[in-house]
Amino acid sequence: MRNFYIKYKDWDLKIGMALFVFVTALFVIPDVLFFFQISVTNRDFFIGLVFMIVALYYITGKNKGETALLLLCVLICIGLSIWFSGNLLDTSYDGNGYRKIMTGLLKEGWNPIWHKPDEFNEAVKAAPVALASWGDNSNWFWMDVHPKALAVVSSVVYAITGNIESGKFYTLISIVMVFCFYNHFLRKHLKLWQAVLMSAVIACNPVAMTNIRNYYGDGFIAHILMIAVVFILEYFDEADQKRKKGLFAGLALCIIWGFNLKINAAFYLGILCTAMWIIVIVADRKKRNYAESRNMFVIFSGAVCSGVLLGFSPYVTSIYRYGEFLPGVLGNSKSMTGAFHASTQGMYSIQIFWAYIFGKMGDYWTDKQLPLKIPFTVSEQEIENYCIAYPAFESFGLFFSGLLIISFILLFFLIICFRKTIKENLLIKISLVMYVLVFAQCMFSPTGIGLRYVAHFWLCMVYPFILGAYFSNQLLNHVVQASIGNVLIILTAFLCFMNIFPYFKYYDFSVFNNTESSLQKMFCDGYEGIKISFLEGMYGMCFNLRDAGIELEKCEIIELEMMPEGYEYICGGKVVFQLSEK
């Protein structure tokens, strides 16, 4: 293994950057073409591959042999991610209420710059017209005003595979990216096995693991923020100016992604990058040379402008279509967002944040009695509730509250015991600044219906254990203390993976349901007068049915209340069929 590391130096960084360039190209290329009234096609996938190959060639220093080997690894990652995602059926409300429909419409030719989604759908009849609504808030509106980067990426893959479920591969790709970037950084400061273990713990956070099976983007957003943090740390840990420029470029991509994922992601990135810029300004002032901070300002400003331009829909289209800037954040539509549980009603954001951490896993939409969780205890009811697609309470897993308490104690202990070393180590001081900023932005941000909105908070739990491993490795003459540090790392990793274990029980169910949906054409063969009803606004399932070969144009789509007796539940119980023989 070490020989591999020596021969293919920085392989993890190169694979991570190649994947990052690929997924970025999958949304940037179509977004640019939208201005010229060119819609998404499978062409965009192959253009993205070309961009990735060229980037990898230059990243490897034009080494053809290394480029070929790493390209094979990257293509395997992409292929497996698409295949695995394609075999998991998304039965979530958001996924089928508007995310799948956005993806399907984009694949069918919708250009969000030139057309509203309902107008386009009226022309092509890709999805049922009578979409579900949240109160007085139409899902067509949210499709139009929501940032579309992930939907564009998904639609490009959907155009290639013909399976809408494969479009949610981005979460798996981001897991690999985060692992590669953190492994590259941590192995310079920890033992190799420690770096691998901690990188896996960071990448496989519970929000990302549950997002693998649905179209939610919270895990991907958290990973972009985590990548930005490690790029900032790498920047201050790197002496080579050429590599620093590469990290600059990586941060610029993170900013562009932030504006095209969610406005809160752009806000969080703005805080982190501003802090980085201030640190550089202070250093430049001591050198009396402001070239570095000036270049950083130009690059970050360019990334912000690019992010807004690529996000023309919704940032500009929302203004002239609805008379609102940042719908859901400002203006009349602000009151339409958010869905707070009854058990947290009347609480401030900071109270909700801690309630979600120390509350038991459950679905407390109406129950005002929030049961508190004793750390490291587990009940059968909690485990059963992990089938929820978008967990709010206990979003970070069974043992997170206990692990967080231990991490607080450990961090306090390390700061007290190693305060002199910390004071002299710039990288550790900057990492502590990042820790405080992430902690603050997560704690004070409106968390709505779950910690999934601030999933990068997972870093705050893991960081003290990484710092502990670093300091334990310095105690070469203290075998007992060093051994305790190693045991602590192994135990932490074990608890973190056990922490997310209940999520895995849902994957068999998802695979079964996806297999089930592919059999629906068999139900339809030999029948006419087919009636279909979608439960709970699950209209995104219409694309699953189309992918299975069912011609919806020949079916009658009705409300469930109008469905005659003798119907069957399919697609995870989200679609109802009623068949009449010829």
Foldseek 3Di string as FASTA:
>chain_A
DVVCCVVQPLLLVLLLVLLLQLLLQLQLVQLVCLVVLFAAALVSNVVSLVRSLVSSCVVSVNPVVSSVVSSVVNVVLLVVLLVLQLLFFAPACVQQLALLLLLQLRLVRDRLLVDQSLVSCVVVVLFDNPFDADVPGHSSVVSQQAQCSLSSQLNNVCNVPVRSSSSLSLLSSLLSSQLSLQLSQLVVQFPNVLSNLLSNLLSPFLLSLLSSRGNDCLSVLLSLLSSLLSLLLVLVVDDDPVVNVVSLVSLLSSLLVQLRHAVVSNVLSVVLLVVSLVVLCVVCVVVVHCPVSVVSVVSNVVSNVNSVSSVCRVQVVCCVPPVDGRACVDDDNVVVDFQAALLCPPHALLVLLVLLAQFAWDDRNPDNDTHGHDAPDDDPRSLVSLLRSAIARLSRFRHRSVLQVVLVVLQVVCCVVCVVVCVVDPSNVSSVVVLVSLVVSQSNDRQGRHSSNSSNPSCNSSVSLSVLSSVLVVPPVDVVSVVVSVVVSVVVSVCSVVRNVSNVVNRVVRSVQLVFLLCVVVVPPQWAAKEKEFPPSSRSCSSSNVSSVDDCVRYHYDYPVPDDPDWDAGSSRGMIIDTHGD
